Amino acid sequence: MRPESTNGTSGGELLVPMDWMYAEYIADELLRTGDLMPPTTIEYRAGRDALALTVFLSDGAVTGAGSVLRLDEWLSLTAYDTGWREWVCARLGELTAGGGHGPDLPLARAAWQWLEDTELLAADLDAVTPVALSGQEGGPQIWTPAWQLGLPLGHLAIHLFQPDPFGCG
């Protein structure tokens, strides 16, 4: 027999992480619309997880008030050198201390752990060596945490997103 409610507000019922699923859906739509890379790449996952965390941890998204795309807010949160990592850690800490949020918070924490622990080989944008002198085909590369690659990818995807002003889909 199916439970009468799936929102996780009473004991013993099916817990569905709707806030996290919403955040992942929005992040996936933004990245797919931007068409920056194939969805099968690990870089795509880094971008999706970074964007999903941004959407989920934004004020209101956790409480279900995040039903409207807040592109300007997400752009400012994901902008270069804005302390996104610190913001994520602080928000996760606040939510953990506050308790609740059913099955959503463990999924957000798992995404953050993956972004922190996984390192991806990326172009070293701080390198001063010209490509011809580096001896590498694409220039110098470094290992970097996945969030450092996913965050600018997500930011660019938000910039490229053009919502339909007429609501025609």
C-alpha atoms as a PDB file:
ATOM      1  CA  MET A   1       0.000   0.000   0.000  1.00  0.00           C
ATOM      2  CA  ARG A   2       1.322   3.462  -0.907  1.00  0.00           C
ATOM      3  CA  PRO A   3       1.698   6.079   1.819  1.00  0.00           C
ATOM      4  CA  GLU A   4      -0.816   8.917   1.782  1.00  0.00           C
ATOM      5  CA  SER A   5       1.877  11.570   1.949  1.00  0.00           C
ATOM      6  CA  THR A   6       5.380  11.625   0.506  1.00  0.00           C
ATOM      7  CA  ASN A   7       6.604  14.936   1.839  1.00  0.00           C
ATOM      8  CA  GLY A   8       8.419  13.409   4.797  1.00  0.00           C
ATOM      9  CA  THR A   9       6.544  15.353   7.464  1.00  0.00           C
ATOM     10  CA  SER A  10       5.388  12.373   9.493  1.00  0.00           C
ATOM     11  CA  GLY A  11       7.152   9.264  10.715  1.00  0.00           C
ATOM     12  CA  GLY A  12       7.567   6.079   8.767  1.00  0.00           C
ATOM     13  CA  GLU A  13       6.496   7.401   5.396  1.00  0.00           C
ATOM     14  CA  LEU A  14       8.405   7.543   2.158  1.00  0.00           C
ATOM     15  CA  LEU A  15      10.867  10.455   2.183  1.00  0.00           C
ATOM     16  CA  VAL A  16      11.287  12.137  -1.193  1.00  0.00           C
ATOM     17  CA  PRO A  17      14.066  14.741  -1.569  1.00  0.00           C
ATOM     18  CA  MET A  18      11.944  17.159  -3.588  1.00  0.00           C
ATOM     19  CA  ASP A  19      14.019  20.294  -2.876  1.00  0.00           C
ATOM     20  CA  TRP A  20      17.246  18.582  -3.960  1.00  0.00           C
ATOM     21  CA  MET A  21      15.588  17.011  -7.001  1.00  0.00           C
ATOM     22  CA  TYR A  22      14.243  20.449  -7.965  1.00  0.00           C
ATOM     23  CA  ALA A  23      17.712  21.980  -7.617  1.00  0.00           C
ATOM     24  CA  GLU A  24      19.300  19.230  -9.739  1.00  0.00           C
ATOM     25  CA  TYR A  25      16.606  19.603 -12.382  1.00  0.00           C
ATOM     26  CA  ILE A  26      17.136  23.380 -12.652  1.00  0.00           C
ATOM     27  CA  ALA A  27      20.917  22.938 -12.796  1.00  0.00           C
ATOM     28  CA  ASP A  28      20.621  20.263 -15.469  1.00  0.00           C
ATOM     29  CA  GLU A  29      18.277  22.417 -17.569  1.00  0.00           C
ATOM     30  CA  LEU A  30      20.602  25.416 -17.362  1.00  0.00           C
ATOM     31  CA  LEU A  31      23.617  23.341 -18.431  1.00  0.00           C
ATOM     32  CA  ARG A  32      21.800  21.497 -21.207  1.00  0.00           C
ATOM     33  CA  THR A  33      20.357  24.744 -22.571  1.00  0.00           C
ATOM     34  CA  GLY A  34      23.842  26.281 -22.592  1.00  0.00           C
ATOM     35  CA  ASP A  35      25.081  23.284 -24.612  1.00  0.00           C
ATOM     36  CA  LEU A  36      28.610  23.771 -23.268  1.00  0.00           C
ATOM     37  CA  MET A  37      29.580  20.098 -23.158  1.00  0.00           C
ATOM     38  CA  PRO A  38      28.082  16.624 -23.378  1.00  0.00           C
ATOM     39  CA  PRO A  39      26.097  15.593 -20.285  1.00  0.00           C
ATOM     40  CA  THR A  40      28.170  12.406 -20.046  1.00  0.00           C
ATOM     41  CA  THR A  41      31.373  14.202 -19.002  1.00  0.00           C
ATOM     42  CA  ILE A  42      32.671  14.546 -15.476  1.00  0.00           C
ATOM     43  CA  GLU A  43      33.019  18.293 -16.050  1.00  0.00           C
ATOM     44  CA  TYR A  44      29.286  18.459 -16.738  1.00  0.00           C
ATOM     45  CA  ARG A  45      28.632  16.691 -13.432  1.00  0.00           C
ATOM     46  CA  ALA A  46      30.858  19.201 -11.639  1.00  0.00           C
ATOM     47  CA  GLY A  47      28.889  22.063 -13.172  1.00  0.00           C
ATOM     48  CA  ARG A  48      25.548  20.444 -12.399  1.00  0.00           C
ATOM     49  CA  ASP A  49      26.462  19.743  -8.772  1.00  0.00           C
ATOM     50  CA  ALA A  50      27.850  23.259  -8.246  1.00  0.00           C
ATOM     51  CA  LEU A  51      24.699  24.797  -9.726  1.00  0.00           C
ATOM     52  CA  ALA A  52      22.409  22.427  -7.811  1.00  0.00           C
ATOM     53  CA  LEU A  53      24.105  23.414  -4.555  1.00  0.00           C
ATOM     54  CA  THR A  54      23.698  27.071  -5.444  1.00  0.00           C
ATOM     55  CA  VAL A  55      19.994  26.638  -6.181  1.00  0.00           C
ATOM     56  CA  PHE A  56      19.373  24.432  -3.137  1.00  0.00           C
ATOM     57  CA  LEU A  57      21.238  26.634  -0.671  1.00  0.00           C
ATOM     58  CA  SER A  58      19.800  29.928  -1.947  1.00  0.00           C
ATOM     59  CA  ASP A  59      17.393  31.520   0.492  1.00  0.00           C
ATOM     60  CA  GLY A  60      13.938  30.098  -0.031  1.00  0.00           C
ATOM     61  CA  ALA A  61      14.933  27.146  -2.203  1.00  0.00           C
ATOM     62  CA  VAL A  62      15.163  24.834   0.792  1.00  0.00           C
ATOM     63  CA  THR A  63      11.728  25.823   2.059  1.00  0.00           C
ATOM     64  CA  GLY A  64      10.007  25.319  -1.262  1.00  0.00           C
ATOM     65  CA  ALA A  65       9.831  29.028  -2.093  1.00  0.00           C
ATOM     66  CA  GLY A  66      12.359  28.574  -4.896  1.00  0.00           C
ATOM     67  CA  SER A  67       9.810  27.917  -7.594  1.00  0.00           C
ATOM     68  CA  VAL A  68      10.851  30.976  -9.618  1.00  0.00           C
ATOM     69  CA  LEU A  69      14.171  31.063 -11.420  1.00  0.00           C
ATOM     70  CA  ARG A  70      16.349  33.612  -9.639  1.00  0.00           C
ATOM     71  CA  LEU A  71      19.033  33.939 -12.282  1.00  0.00           C
ATOM     72  CA  ASP A  72      20.463  37.257 -11.031  1.00  0.00           C
ATOM     73  CA  GLU A  73      20.937  35.886  -7.535  1.00  0.00           C
ATOM     74  CA  TRP A  74      22.591  32.711  -8.841  1.00  0.00           C
ATOM     75  CA  LEU A  75      24.837  34.765 -11.132  1.00  0.00           C
ATOM     76  CA  SER A  76      26.064  36.846  -8.215  1.00  0.00           C
ATOM     77  CA  LEU A  77      26.608  33.764  -6.043  1.00  0.00           C
ATOM     78  CA  THR A  78      28.608  31.935  -8.727  1.00  0.00           C
ATOM     79  CA  ALA A  79      30.643  34.929  -9.935  1.00  0.00           C
ATOM     80  CA  TYR A  80      34.429  34.700  -9.875  1.00  0.00           C
ATOM     81  CA  ASP A  81      36.115  35.459  -6.565  1.00  0.00           C
ATOM     82  CA  THR A  82      32.915  35.850  -4.538  1.00  0.00           C
ATOM     83  CA  GLY A  83      33.678  33.271  -1.860  1.00  0.00           C
ATOM     84  CA  TRP A  84      31.265  30.633  -3.164  1.00  0.00           C
ATOM     85  CA  ARG A  85      33.089  27.810  -1.363  1.00  0.00           C
ATOM     86  CA  GLU A  86      32.874  29.607   1.968  1.00  0.00           C
ATOM     87  CA  TRP A  87      29.218  30.416   1.348  1.00  0.00           C
ATOM     88  CA  VAL A  88      28.427  26.752   0.625  1.00  0.00           C
ATOM     89  CA  CYS A  89      30.237  25.585   3.764  1.00  0.00           C
ATOM     90  CA  ALA A  90      28.469  28.195   5.904  1.00  0.00           C
ATOM     91  CA  ARG A  91      25.009  27.402   4.495  1.00  0.00           C
ATOM     92  CA  LEU A  92      25.499  23.647   4.883  1.00  0.00           C
ATOM     93  CA  GLY A  93      26.631  24.261   8.462  1.00  0.00           C
ATOM     94  CA  GLU A  94      23.564  26.396   9.197  1.00  0.00           C
ATOM     95  CA  LEU A  95      21.202  23.791   7.752  1.00  0.00           C
ATOM     96  CA  THR A  96      22.915  20.970   9.609  1.00  0.00           C
ATOM     97  CA  ALA A  97      22.746  22.863  12.907  1.00  0.00           C
ATOM     98  CA  GLY A  98      19.085  23.719  12.296  1.00  0.00           C
ATOM     99  CA  GLY A  99      18.138  20.086  11.684  1.00  0.00           C
ATOM    100  CA  GLY A 100      15.334  18.969   9.470  1.00  0.00           C
ATOM    101  CA  HIS A 101      15.219  19.081   5.663  1.00  0.00           C
ATOM    102  CA  GLY A 102      14.520  15.351   5.490  1.00  0.00           C
ATOM    103  CA  PRO A 103      16.453  13.523   2.797  1.00  0.00           C
ATOM    104  CA  ASP A 104      17.541  16.684   0.944  1.00  0.00           C
ATOM    105  CA  LEU A 105      20.441  17.742   3.137  1.00  0.00           C
ATOM    106  CA  PRO A 106      22.357  14.421   2.950  1.00  0.00           C
ATOM    107  CA  LEU A 107      22.196  14.593  -0.854  1.00  0.00           C
ATOM    108  CA  ALA A 108      23.461  18.176  -0.862  1.00  0.00           C
ATOM    109  CA  ARG A 109      26.266  17.231   1.537  1.00  0.00           C
ATOM    110  CA  ALA A 110      27.208  14.252  -0.666  1.00  0.00           C
ATOM    111  CA  ALA A 111      27.349  16.505  -3.744  1.00  0.00           C
ATOM    112  CA  TRP A 112      29.564  18.963  -1.872  1.00  0.00           C
ATOM    113  CA  GLN A 113      31.840  16.164  -0.647  1.00  0.00           C
ATOM    114  CA  TRP A 114      32.238  14.919  -4.224  1.00  0.00           C
ATOM    115  CA  LEU A 115      33.014  18.440  -5.493  1.00  0.00           C
ATOM    116  CA  GLU A 116      35.625  18.900  -2.750  1.00  0.00           C
ATOM    117  CA  ASP A 117      37.268  15.471  -2.953  1.00  0.00           C
ATOM    118  CA  THR A 118      37.313  14.923  -6.706  1.00  0.00           C
ATOM    119  CA  GLU A 119      40.152  16.528  -8.629  1.00  0.00           C
ATOM    120  CA  LEU A 120      39.998  17.214 -12.346  1.00  0.00           C
ATOM    121  CA  LEU A 121      42.836  18.017 -14.722  1.00  0.00           C
ATOM    122  CA  ALA A 122      42.245  21.521 -16.037  1.00  0.00           C
ATOM    123  CA  ALA A 123      44.119  24.279 -17.824  1.00  0.00           C
ATOM    124  CA  ASP A 124      46.327  26.305 -15.501  1.00  0.00           C
ATOM    125  CA  LEU A 125      44.978  29.777 -16.087  1.00  0.00           C
ATOM    126  CA  ASP A 126      47.592  31.292 -13.782  1.00  0.00           C
ATOM    127  CA  ALA A 127      50.511  29.881 -15.771  1.00  0.00           C
ATOM    128  CA  VAL A 128      52.758  32.466 -17.385  1.00  0.00           C
ATOM    129  CA  THR A 129      54.490  29.998 -19.697  1.00  0.00           C
ATOM    130  CA  PRO A 130      53.495  30.375 -23.345  1.00  0.00           C
ATOM    131  CA  VAL A 131      51.920  27.255 -24.859  1.00  0.00           C
ATOM    132  CA  ALA A 132      54.835  26.779 -27.265  1.00  0.00           C
ATOM    133  CA  LEU A 133      57.332  26.652 -24.374  1.00  0.00           C
ATOM    134  CA  SER A 134      55.285  24.455 -22.048  1.00  0.00           C
ATOM    135  CA  GLY A 135      55.796  21.279 -24.055  1.00  0.00           C
ATOM    136  CA  GLN A 136      52.128  20.408 -23.649  1.00  0.00           C
ATOM    137  CA  GLU A 137      49.668  20.441 -26.483  1.00  0.00           C
ATOM    138  CA  GLY A 138      46.936  22.408 -24.702  1.00  0.00           C
ATOM    139  CA  GLY A 139      49.191  24.354 -22.400  1.00  0.00           C
ATOM    140  CA  PRO A 140      50.059  23.730 -18.763  1.00  0.00           C
ATOM    141  CA  GLN A 141      47.515  21.857 -16.685  1.00  0.00           C
ATOM    142  CA  ILE A 142      46.944  21.366 -12.971  1.00  0.00           C
ATOM    143  CA  TRP A 143      44.780  19.163 -10.784  1.00  0.00           C
ATOM    144  CA  THR A 144      41.998  21.198  -9.261  1.00  0.00           C
ATOM    145  CA  PRO A 145      38.975  20.403  -7.063  1.00  0.00           C
ATOM    146  CA  ALA A 146      35.903  19.680  -9.166  1.00  0.00           C
ATOM    147  CA  TRP A 147      34.032  22.691  -7.776  1.00  0.00           C
ATOM    148  CA  GLN A 148      36.697  25.050  -9.166  1.00  0.00           C
ATOM    149  CA  LEU A 149      35.935  23.792 -12.651  1.00  0.00           C
ATOM    150  CA  GLY A 150      32.196  23.307 -12.186  1.00  0.00           C
ATOM    151  CA  LEU A 151      31.479  26.718 -10.714  1.00  0.00           C
ATOM    152  CA  PRO A 152      32.590  28.813 -13.739  1.00  0.00           C
ATOM    153  CA  LEU A 153      30.863  26.316 -16.022  1.00  0.00           C
ATOM    154  CA  GLY A 154      27.636  26.796 -14.091  1.00  0.00           C
ATOM    155  CA  HIS A 155      28.073  30.560 -14.074  1.00  0.00           C
ATOM    156  CA  LEU A 156      28.504  30.580 -17.850  1.00  0.00           C
ATOM    157  CA  ALA A 157      25.444  28.353 -18.287  1.00  0.00           C
ATOM    158  CA  ILE A 158      23.350  30.852 -16.307  1.00  0.00           C
ATOM    159  CA  HIS A 159      24.654  33.673 -18.521  1.00  0.00           C
ATOM    160  CA  LEU A 160      23.742  31.752 -21.665  1.00  0.00           C
ATOM    161  CA  PHE A 161      20.255  30.856 -20.472  1.00  0.00           C
ATOM    162  CA  GLN A 162      17.594  32.866 -22.291  1.00  0.00           C
ATOM    163  CA  PRO A 163      14.176  32.356 -20.713  1.00  0.00           C
ATOM    164  CA  ASP A 164      11.241  32.653 -23.079  1.00  0.00           C
ATOM    165  CA  PRO A 165       9.737  36.092 -22.292  1.00  0.00           C
ATOM    166  CA  PHE A 166       6.396  35.033 -23.757  1.00  0.00           C
ATOM    167  CA  GLY A 167       6.072  31.792 -21.787  1.00  0.00           C
ATOM    168  CA  CYS A 168       5.760  29.702 -24.934  1.00  0.00           C
ATOM    169  CA  GLY A 169       8.196  27.030 -23.739  1.00  0.00           C
END
